[in-house]
N, C-alpha and C. Protein backbone atom coordinates (compact mmCIF):
# COMPACT_ATOMS: atom_id res chain seq x y z
N MET A 1 1.66 2.78 1.07
CA MET A 1 0.54 2.70 0.13
C MET A 1 0.54 1.32 -0.53
N THR A 2 -0.56 0.62 -0.38
CA THR A 2 -0.70 -0.71 -0.96
C THR A 2 -1.63 -0.64 -2.16
N VAL A 3 -1.15 -1.10 -3.31
CA VAL A 3 -1.96 -1.15 -4.52
C VAL A 3 -2.44 -2.58 -4.72
N LYS A 4 -3.73 -2.72 -4.92
CA LYS A 4 -4.32 -4.03 -5.18
C LYS A 4 -5.25 -3.93 -6.38
N LEU A 5 -5.47 -5.08 -7.01
CA LEU A 5 -6.42 -5.16 -8.12
C LEU A 5 -7.68 -5.87 -7.62
N LEU A 6 -8.83 -5.36 -8.01
CA LEU A 6 -10.12 -5.94 -7.66
C LEU A 6 -10.88 -6.16 -8.96
N ARG A 7 -11.21 -7.38 -9.26
CA ARG A 7 -11.89 -7.71 -10.52
C ARG A 7 -13.23 -6.99 -10.62
N VAL A 8 -13.46 -6.37 -11.76
CA VAL A 8 -14.71 -5.67 -12.04
C VAL A 8 -15.72 -6.70 -12.56
N MET A 9 -16.91 -6.68 -11.99
CA MET A 9 -17.99 -7.56 -12.40
C MET A 9 -19.05 -6.73 -13.15
N MET A 10 -19.98 -7.41 -13.80
CA MET A 10 -21.01 -6.72 -14.57
C MET A 10 -21.77 -5.70 -13.70
N GLU A 11 -22.03 -6.04 -12.45
CA GLU A 11 -22.78 -5.12 -11.59
C GLU A 11 -21.97 -3.86 -11.24
N ASP A 12 -20.67 -3.85 -11.58
CA ASP A 12 -19.81 -2.69 -11.36
C ASP A 12 -19.70 -1.79 -12.59
N ALA A 13 -20.40 -2.13 -13.65
CA ALA A 13 -20.23 -1.42 -14.93
C ALA A 13 -20.50 0.07 -14.82
N GLN A 14 -21.53 0.46 -14.11
CA GLN A 14 -21.86 1.89 -13.98
C GLN A 14 -20.75 2.64 -13.23
N GLU A 15 -20.25 2.05 -12.17
CA GLU A 15 -19.17 2.69 -11.41
C GLU A 15 -17.91 2.81 -12.27
N LEU A 16 -17.56 1.75 -12.99
CA LEU A 16 -16.41 1.78 -13.88
C LEU A 16 -16.58 2.86 -14.94
N HIS A 17 -17.76 2.92 -15.54
CA HIS A 17 -18.03 3.91 -16.57
C HIS A 17 -17.87 5.33 -16.02
N SER A 18 -18.42 5.58 -14.86
CA SER A 18 -18.33 6.93 -14.25
C SER A 18 -16.88 7.31 -13.97
N MET A 19 -16.11 6.36 -13.47
CA MET A 19 -14.69 6.62 -13.20
C MET A 19 -13.93 6.91 -14.50
N GLN A 20 -14.24 6.15 -15.55
CA GLN A 20 -13.57 6.31 -16.84
C GLN A 20 -13.87 7.69 -17.42
N ILE A 21 -15.12 8.12 -17.35
CA ILE A 21 -15.50 9.44 -17.86
C ILE A 21 -14.71 10.52 -17.11
N LYS A 22 -14.65 10.40 -15.79
CA LYS A 22 -13.93 11.39 -14.98
C LYS A 22 -12.44 11.40 -15.31
N ALA A 23 -11.84 10.23 -15.42
CA ALA A 23 -10.40 10.12 -15.64
C ALA A 23 -9.97 10.67 -16.99
N PHE A 24 -10.80 10.50 -18.01
CA PHE A 24 -10.41 10.90 -19.37
C PHE A 24 -10.97 12.26 -19.79
N LYS A 25 -11.70 12.91 -18.92
CA LYS A 25 -12.35 14.18 -19.27
C LYS A 25 -11.36 15.24 -19.75
N GLU A 26 -10.27 15.41 -19.02
CA GLU A 26 -9.28 16.43 -19.38
C GLU A 26 -8.67 16.15 -20.75
N LEU A 27 -8.32 14.88 -21.01
CA LEU A 27 -7.73 14.54 -22.31
C LEU A 27 -8.75 14.70 -23.45
N LEU A 28 -10.00 14.36 -23.19
CA LEU A 28 -11.04 14.54 -24.19
C LEU A 28 -11.19 16.01 -24.55
N ASN A 29 -11.20 16.86 -23.54
CA ASN A 29 -11.32 18.31 -23.79
C ASN A 29 -10.09 18.84 -24.53
N LYS A 30 -8.93 18.35 -24.18
CA LYS A 30 -7.67 18.81 -24.77
C LYS A 30 -7.53 18.41 -26.23
N TYR A 31 -7.86 17.15 -26.55
CA TYR A 31 -7.59 16.62 -27.88
C TYR A 31 -8.83 16.49 -28.78
N GLN A 32 -10.02 16.60 -28.21
CA GLN A 32 -11.26 16.56 -28.99
C GLN A 32 -11.36 15.29 -29.85
N ASP A 33 -10.91 14.18 -29.30
CA ASP A 33 -10.92 12.90 -30.03
C ASP A 33 -12.15 12.10 -29.63
N PHE A 34 -13.29 12.57 -30.05
CA PHE A 34 -14.57 12.03 -29.60
C PHE A 34 -14.82 10.59 -30.05
N ASP A 35 -14.18 10.15 -31.11
CA ASP A 35 -14.40 8.78 -31.59
C ASP A 35 -13.49 7.75 -30.92
N THR A 36 -12.37 8.19 -30.32
CA THR A 36 -11.41 7.23 -29.78
C THR A 36 -11.20 7.34 -28.27
N ASN A 37 -11.56 8.45 -27.68
CA ASN A 37 -11.27 8.66 -26.26
C ASN A 37 -12.22 7.87 -25.37
N PRO A 38 -11.69 7.08 -24.42
CA PRO A 38 -12.56 6.33 -23.51
C PRO A 38 -13.48 7.21 -22.68
N GLY A 39 -13.16 8.49 -22.55
CA GLY A 39 -14.01 9.42 -21.83
C GLY A 39 -15.29 9.76 -22.56
N ASN A 40 -15.40 9.34 -23.80
CA ASN A 40 -16.60 9.57 -24.59
C ASN A 40 -17.31 8.26 -24.91
N GLU A 41 -16.88 7.19 -24.30
CA GLU A 41 -17.43 5.87 -24.56
C GLU A 41 -18.73 5.66 -23.79
N ASN A 42 -19.68 4.97 -24.40
CA ASN A 42 -20.93 4.71 -23.69
C ASN A 42 -20.81 3.44 -22.85
N ILE A 43 -21.69 3.32 -21.90
CA ILE A 43 -21.63 2.20 -20.95
C ILE A 43 -21.90 0.86 -21.65
N GLU A 44 -22.63 0.87 -22.73
CA GLU A 44 -22.92 -0.38 -23.44
C GLU A 44 -21.64 -1.04 -23.96
N ASN A 45 -20.68 -0.24 -24.42
CA ASN A 45 -19.41 -0.80 -24.89
C ASN A 45 -18.66 -1.49 -23.74
N ILE A 46 -18.70 -0.87 -22.57
CA ILE A 46 -18.05 -1.48 -21.41
C ILE A 46 -18.74 -2.79 -21.05
N LYS A 47 -20.05 -2.79 -21.06
CA LYS A 47 -20.79 -4.02 -20.73
C LYS A 47 -20.47 -5.13 -21.73
N LYS A 48 -20.38 -4.78 -23.01
CA LYS A 48 -20.04 -5.79 -24.02
C LYS A 48 -18.66 -6.38 -23.75
N ARG A 49 -17.71 -5.53 -23.36
CA ARG A 49 -16.36 -6.02 -23.07
C ARG A 49 -16.35 -6.90 -21.82
N LEU A 50 -17.15 -6.52 -20.84
CA LEU A 50 -17.22 -7.33 -19.62
C LEU A 50 -17.74 -8.74 -19.90
N GLU A 51 -18.51 -8.88 -20.96
CA GLU A 51 -19.03 -10.20 -21.36
C GLU A 51 -18.02 -11.02 -22.16
N GLN A 52 -16.98 -10.38 -22.67
CA GLN A 52 -15.99 -11.10 -23.47
C GLN A 52 -15.18 -12.05 -22.58
N PRO A 53 -15.01 -13.30 -23.01
CA PRO A 53 -14.27 -14.26 -22.18
C PRO A 53 -12.77 -13.96 -22.10
N PHE A 54 -12.27 -13.05 -22.94
CA PHE A 54 -10.84 -12.73 -22.97
C PHE A 54 -10.54 -11.34 -22.42
N THR A 55 -11.53 -10.67 -21.84
CA THR A 55 -11.35 -9.34 -21.27
C THR A 55 -11.44 -9.41 -19.76
N TYR A 56 -10.48 -8.74 -19.12
CA TYR A 56 -10.42 -8.71 -17.66
C TYR A 56 -10.25 -7.26 -17.22
N TYR A 57 -11.28 -6.70 -16.61
CA TYR A 57 -11.21 -5.36 -16.04
C TYR A 57 -10.90 -5.49 -14.56
N TYR A 58 -10.06 -4.59 -14.07
CA TYR A 58 -9.76 -4.54 -12.64
C TYR A 58 -9.84 -3.09 -12.16
N PHE A 59 -10.45 -2.89 -10.99
CA PHE A 59 -10.29 -1.62 -10.30
C PHE A 59 -8.90 -1.63 -9.70
N ILE A 60 -8.23 -0.50 -9.75
CA ILE A 60 -6.94 -0.33 -9.10
C ILE A 60 -7.24 0.35 -7.77
N CYS A 61 -6.96 -0.35 -6.68
CA CYS A 61 -7.35 0.13 -5.36
C CYS A 61 -6.12 0.50 -4.53
N ILE A 62 -6.26 1.59 -3.82
CA ILE A 62 -5.30 2.03 -2.82
C ILE A 62 -6.00 1.86 -1.49
N ASP A 63 -5.53 0.88 -0.73
CA ASP A 63 -6.22 0.51 0.50
C ASP A 63 -7.68 0.22 0.14
N SER A 64 -8.64 0.96 0.63
CA SER A 64 -10.05 0.66 0.30
C SER A 64 -10.62 1.59 -0.75
N GLN A 65 -9.81 2.48 -1.31
CA GLN A 65 -10.29 3.44 -2.30
C GLN A 65 -10.00 2.96 -3.72
N LYS A 66 -10.97 3.15 -4.61
CA LYS A 66 -10.77 2.84 -6.02
C LYS A 66 -10.14 4.05 -6.69
N ALA A 67 -8.91 3.87 -7.16
CA ALA A 67 -8.12 4.96 -7.70
C ALA A 67 -8.10 4.98 -9.23
N GLY A 68 -8.56 3.91 -9.86
CA GLY A 68 -8.52 3.82 -11.31
C GLY A 68 -8.93 2.44 -11.75
N ALA A 69 -8.60 2.12 -13.00
CA ALA A 69 -8.93 0.80 -13.53
C ALA A 69 -7.98 0.46 -14.68
N ILE A 70 -7.93 -0.83 -14.97
CA ILE A 70 -7.13 -1.33 -16.09
C ILE A 70 -7.90 -2.47 -16.74
N ARG A 71 -7.82 -2.52 -18.05
CA ARG A 71 -8.42 -3.63 -18.79
C ARG A 71 -7.31 -4.41 -19.46
N ILE A 72 -7.35 -5.71 -19.27
CA ILE A 72 -6.41 -6.62 -19.90
C ILE A 72 -7.17 -7.46 -20.92
N VAL A 73 -6.64 -7.55 -22.11
CA VAL A 73 -7.19 -8.44 -23.14
C VAL A 73 -6.17 -9.55 -23.32
N ASP A 74 -6.61 -10.78 -23.04
CA ASP A 74 -5.71 -11.93 -23.15
C ASP A 74 -6.50 -13.09 -23.74
N LYS A 75 -6.31 -13.30 -25.04
CA LYS A 75 -7.02 -14.38 -25.73
C LYS A 75 -6.39 -15.74 -25.47
N LYS A 76 -5.26 -15.75 -24.75
CA LYS A 76 -4.58 -16.99 -24.37
C LYS A 76 -4.31 -17.91 -25.56
N GLU A 77 -3.96 -17.28 -26.68
CA GLU A 77 -3.63 -18.03 -27.89
C GLU A 77 -2.15 -17.87 -28.18
N THR A 78 -1.51 -18.92 -28.62
CA THR A 78 -0.10 -18.87 -28.96
C THR A 78 0.13 -17.82 -30.03
N GLY A 79 1.11 -16.98 -29.80
CA GLY A 79 1.44 -15.94 -30.77
C GLY A 79 0.62 -14.67 -30.64
N LYS A 80 -0.41 -14.67 -29.81
CA LYS A 80 -1.24 -13.47 -29.61
C LYS A 80 -0.70 -12.68 -28.43
N ARG A 81 -0.61 -11.39 -28.60
CA ARG A 81 -0.14 -10.52 -27.53
C ARG A 81 -1.26 -10.19 -26.56
N LYS A 82 -0.87 -9.96 -25.32
CA LYS A 82 -1.79 -9.45 -24.32
C LYS A 82 -1.82 -7.93 -24.49
N ARG A 83 -2.93 -7.33 -24.13
CA ARG A 83 -3.11 -5.92 -24.42
C ARG A 83 -3.64 -5.19 -23.20
N ILE A 84 -3.12 -3.99 -22.97
CA ILE A 84 -3.66 -3.08 -21.97
C ILE A 84 -4.45 -2.02 -22.72
N SER A 85 -5.74 -1.91 -22.41
CA SER A 85 -6.57 -0.92 -23.10
C SER A 85 -7.96 -0.84 -22.47
N PRO A 86 -8.25 0.17 -21.71
CA PRO A 86 -7.41 1.28 -21.28
C PRO A 86 -6.82 1.03 -19.89
N LEU A 87 -5.99 1.95 -19.47
CA LEU A 87 -5.48 2.07 -18.12
C LEU A 87 -5.72 3.51 -17.71
N PHE A 88 -6.34 3.72 -16.56
CA PHE A 88 -6.51 5.10 -16.10
C PHE A 88 -6.45 5.18 -14.59
N ILE A 89 -5.97 6.33 -14.14
CA ILE A 89 -5.91 6.68 -12.73
C ILE A 89 -6.70 7.99 -12.58
N LEU A 90 -7.57 8.04 -11.59
CA LEU A 90 -8.35 9.25 -11.35
C LEU A 90 -7.40 10.41 -11.02
N PRO A 91 -7.78 11.63 -11.42
CA PRO A 91 -6.87 12.78 -11.27
C PRO A 91 -6.29 12.95 -9.86
N GLU A 92 -7.09 12.73 -8.83
CA GLU A 92 -6.60 12.95 -7.47
C GLU A 92 -5.58 11.90 -7.00
N PHE A 93 -5.39 10.84 -7.77
CA PHE A 93 -4.44 9.79 -7.42
C PHE A 93 -3.24 9.74 -8.37
N GLN A 94 -3.19 10.62 -9.35
CA GLN A 94 -2.13 10.57 -10.35
C GLN A 94 -0.78 11.00 -9.79
N GLU A 95 0.27 10.58 -10.47
CA GLU A 95 1.66 10.91 -10.17
C GLU A 95 2.11 10.39 -8.81
N LYS A 96 1.63 9.20 -8.45
CA LYS A 96 2.03 8.56 -7.20
C LYS A 96 2.59 7.15 -7.43
N GLY A 97 2.83 6.79 -8.71
CA GLY A 97 3.37 5.48 -9.03
C GLY A 97 2.33 4.36 -9.05
N ILE A 98 1.07 4.73 -9.00
CA ILE A 98 -0.01 3.73 -8.93
C ILE A 98 -0.14 2.95 -10.23
N ALA A 99 -0.07 3.62 -11.36
CA ALA A 99 -0.19 2.93 -12.65
C ALA A 99 0.94 1.91 -12.83
N GLN A 100 2.13 2.30 -12.45
CA GLN A 100 3.28 1.40 -12.55
C GLN A 100 3.05 0.15 -11.71
N LYS A 101 2.58 0.32 -10.49
CA LYS A 101 2.33 -0.83 -9.62
C LYS A 101 1.21 -1.70 -10.18
N ALA A 102 0.19 -1.08 -10.76
CA ALA A 102 -0.90 -1.85 -11.35
C ALA A 102 -0.41 -2.70 -12.52
N ILE A 103 0.45 -2.14 -13.35
CA ILE A 103 1.02 -2.90 -14.47
C ILE A 103 1.83 -4.08 -13.95
N TRP A 104 2.64 -3.86 -12.92
CA TRP A 104 3.41 -4.96 -12.32
C TRP A 104 2.48 -6.07 -11.84
N LEU A 105 1.40 -5.69 -11.17
CA LEU A 105 0.46 -6.70 -10.67
C LEU A 105 -0.15 -7.49 -11.82
N CYS A 106 -0.51 -6.81 -12.90
CA CYS A 106 -1.07 -7.50 -14.07
C CYS A 106 -0.04 -8.44 -14.69
N GLU A 107 1.21 -8.02 -14.73
CA GLU A 107 2.26 -8.88 -15.26
C GLU A 107 2.49 -10.10 -14.38
N GLU A 108 2.28 -9.96 -13.08
CA GLU A 108 2.38 -11.13 -12.19
C GLU A 108 1.28 -12.14 -12.51
N ILE A 109 0.10 -11.65 -12.87
CA ILE A 109 -1.04 -12.52 -13.17
C ILE A 109 -0.92 -13.13 -14.56
N TYR A 110 -0.60 -12.30 -15.56
CA TYR A 110 -0.69 -12.70 -16.97
C TYR A 110 0.67 -12.96 -17.63
N GLY A 111 1.75 -12.74 -16.91
CA GLY A 111 3.07 -12.96 -17.48
C GLY A 111 3.73 -11.65 -17.86
N LYS A 112 5.03 -11.63 -17.84
CA LYS A 112 5.79 -10.39 -18.06
C LYS A 112 6.08 -10.10 -19.52
N GLU A 113 5.83 -11.06 -20.40
CA GLU A 113 6.20 -10.88 -21.81
C GLU A 113 4.98 -10.93 -22.71
N GLY A 114 5.15 -10.35 -23.91
CA GLY A 114 4.12 -10.46 -24.94
C GLY A 114 2.99 -9.46 -24.81
N TRP A 115 3.31 -8.23 -24.47
CA TRP A 115 2.29 -7.19 -24.26
C TRP A 115 2.32 -6.16 -25.39
N GLU A 116 1.18 -5.47 -25.57
CA GLU A 116 1.10 -4.33 -26.48
C GLU A 116 0.11 -3.33 -25.93
N LEU A 117 0.24 -2.10 -26.41
CA LEU A 117 -0.68 -1.03 -26.03
C LEU A 117 -0.42 0.15 -26.94
N GLU A 118 -1.30 1.13 -26.86
CA GLU A 118 -1.02 2.40 -27.51
C GLU A 118 -1.35 3.51 -26.53
N THR A 119 -0.70 4.64 -26.75
CA THR A 119 -0.94 5.81 -25.92
C THR A 119 -0.78 7.06 -26.77
N ILE A 120 -1.04 8.18 -26.16
CA ILE A 120 -0.99 9.45 -26.88
C ILE A 120 0.46 9.93 -26.95
N LEU A 121 0.96 10.10 -28.16
CA LEU A 121 2.33 10.53 -28.38
C LEU A 121 2.61 11.87 -27.68
N GLN A 122 1.64 12.76 -27.69
CA GLN A 122 1.82 14.09 -27.13
C GLN A 122 1.84 14.10 -25.59
N GLU A 123 1.47 12.99 -24.96
CA GLU A 123 1.47 12.89 -23.50
C GLU A 123 2.77 12.22 -23.06
N SER A 124 3.79 13.03 -22.86
CA SER A 124 5.13 12.50 -22.58
C SER A 124 5.18 11.69 -21.27
N LYS A 125 4.36 12.03 -20.30
CA LYS A 125 4.35 11.27 -19.04
C LYS A 125 3.86 9.84 -19.27
N ASN A 126 2.87 9.68 -20.13
CA ASN A 126 2.38 8.34 -20.46
C ASN A 126 3.48 7.54 -21.15
N CYS A 127 4.11 8.15 -22.15
CA CYS A 127 5.18 7.48 -22.88
C CYS A 127 6.31 7.09 -21.93
N HIS A 128 6.67 8.00 -21.03
CA HIS A 128 7.74 7.73 -20.07
C HIS A 128 7.39 6.55 -19.17
N LEU A 129 6.15 6.48 -18.70
CA LEU A 129 5.71 5.38 -17.86
C LEU A 129 5.93 4.05 -18.56
N TYR A 130 5.42 3.93 -19.78
CA TYR A 130 5.52 2.65 -20.48
C TYR A 130 6.96 2.31 -20.83
N GLU A 131 7.75 3.29 -21.21
CA GLU A 131 9.15 3.02 -21.53
C GLU A 131 9.91 2.58 -20.28
N LYS A 132 9.59 3.18 -19.13
CA LYS A 132 10.19 2.79 -17.86
C LYS A 132 9.81 1.35 -17.49
N MET A 133 8.64 0.92 -17.94
CA MET A 133 8.15 -0.42 -17.64
C MET A 133 8.68 -1.47 -18.64
N GLY A 134 9.52 -1.04 -19.59
CA GLY A 134 10.13 -1.98 -20.52
C GLY A 134 9.45 -2.07 -21.88
N TYR A 135 8.48 -1.21 -22.14
CA TYR A 135 7.81 -1.19 -23.45
C TYR A 135 8.67 -0.41 -24.44
N LYS A 136 8.65 -0.88 -25.67
CA LYS A 136 9.42 -0.23 -26.75
C LYS A 136 8.46 0.27 -27.81
N LYS A 137 8.73 1.49 -28.29
CA LYS A 137 7.92 2.04 -29.38
C LYS A 137 8.09 1.18 -30.61
N THR A 138 6.99 0.99 -31.32
CA THR A 138 7.05 0.32 -32.61
C THR A 138 7.07 1.41 -33.69
N ASP A 139 7.09 1.02 -34.92
CA ASP A 139 7.04 1.99 -36.02
C ASP A 139 5.62 2.44 -36.31
N LYS A 140 4.66 1.82 -35.67
CA LYS A 140 3.25 2.12 -35.95
C LYS A 140 2.79 3.35 -35.18
N ILE A 141 2.21 4.28 -35.91
CA ILE A 141 1.54 5.43 -35.32
C ILE A 141 0.22 5.63 -36.05
N LYS A 142 -0.71 6.32 -35.40
CA LYS A 142 -2.00 6.59 -36.02
C LYS A 142 -2.40 8.02 -35.68
N VAL A 143 -2.50 8.84 -36.70
CA VAL A 143 -2.92 10.23 -36.51
C VAL A 143 -4.44 10.23 -36.36
N ILE A 144 -4.91 10.73 -35.22
CA ILE A 144 -6.35 10.80 -34.94
C ILE A 144 -6.91 12.13 -35.42
N ASN A 145 -6.21 13.20 -35.12
CA ASN A 145 -6.58 14.53 -35.60
C ASN A 145 -5.33 15.40 -35.55
N GLU A 146 -5.48 16.69 -35.85
CA GLU A 146 -4.31 17.57 -35.91
C GLU A 146 -3.64 17.76 -34.55
N LYS A 147 -4.32 17.39 -33.47
CA LYS A 147 -3.76 17.55 -32.12
C LYS A 147 -3.20 16.25 -31.54
N LEU A 148 -3.69 15.11 -32.03
CA LEU A 148 -3.43 13.84 -31.35
C LEU A 148 -2.93 12.76 -32.30
N THR A 149 -1.87 12.10 -31.87
CA THR A 149 -1.33 10.93 -32.57
C THR A 149 -1.16 9.80 -31.56
N LEU A 150 -1.62 8.62 -31.93
CA LEU A 150 -1.39 7.45 -31.08
C LEU A 150 -0.07 6.81 -31.48
N VAL A 151 0.68 6.39 -30.48
CA VAL A 151 1.93 5.68 -30.70
C VAL A 151 1.77 4.29 -30.08
N TYR A 152 2.29 3.29 -30.76
CA TYR A 152 2.11 1.89 -30.35
C TYR A 152 3.38 1.37 -29.70
N TYR A 153 3.18 0.56 -28.67
CA TYR A 153 4.27 -0.02 -27.90
C TYR A 153 4.10 -1.53 -27.82
N LYS A 154 5.25 -2.21 -27.67
CA LYS A 154 5.28 -3.65 -27.41
C LYS A 154 6.28 -3.92 -26.30
N LYS A 155 5.97 -4.97 -25.56
CA LYS A 155 6.93 -5.47 -24.58
C LYS A 155 7.14 -6.94 -24.90
N MET A 156 8.36 -7.27 -25.24
CA MET A 156 8.66 -8.63 -25.63
C MET A 156 8.70 -9.48 -24.40
C-alpha cells in the first residue's frame, strides 16, 4: 500500500467538503459538537482556507483512491508552530496506518519539529496515534460539552 499526498486546489473544494462530512459524521453524531466538528462545517469555510497563503490541504491517496485529507497551517514565521487541523481518514480506510504515513509525509515536506494539534480526549485511538508519532500532551484542554473535551498536543 502506497500513501501519497495530492495537493487540494480550489476546484476540489466540493469533493473535499463531501469527504470531510462523511469522515466526521460518526463523531458529530456521538458528541453533538455542532460548533466545532468539521463534519458540520460549511463549504465556504473550506474555500476561505484554501485561499489562505499559509494553508495547505492535501488529499491522502492510497494508490489512485482518495482515502482522506489533511490540512497543514504553516505561516513560516520564526517561533510559530505548524498545525494539523483537520486530519481525517474515510471510515472504509481507517485502522490501516494511513494517517500515520500521511503525517510522516507532511513532516518530510514541512519539517519534523514545531508542530501542534488538538484532538478529542475521549477518542483514545486518536490520542494513541499522535503520541506514537512523538506528540506530547500539553496542559491545555478545552471542554466543548458534557461529552467532549479537546486535548492539545505539541511536537518539539
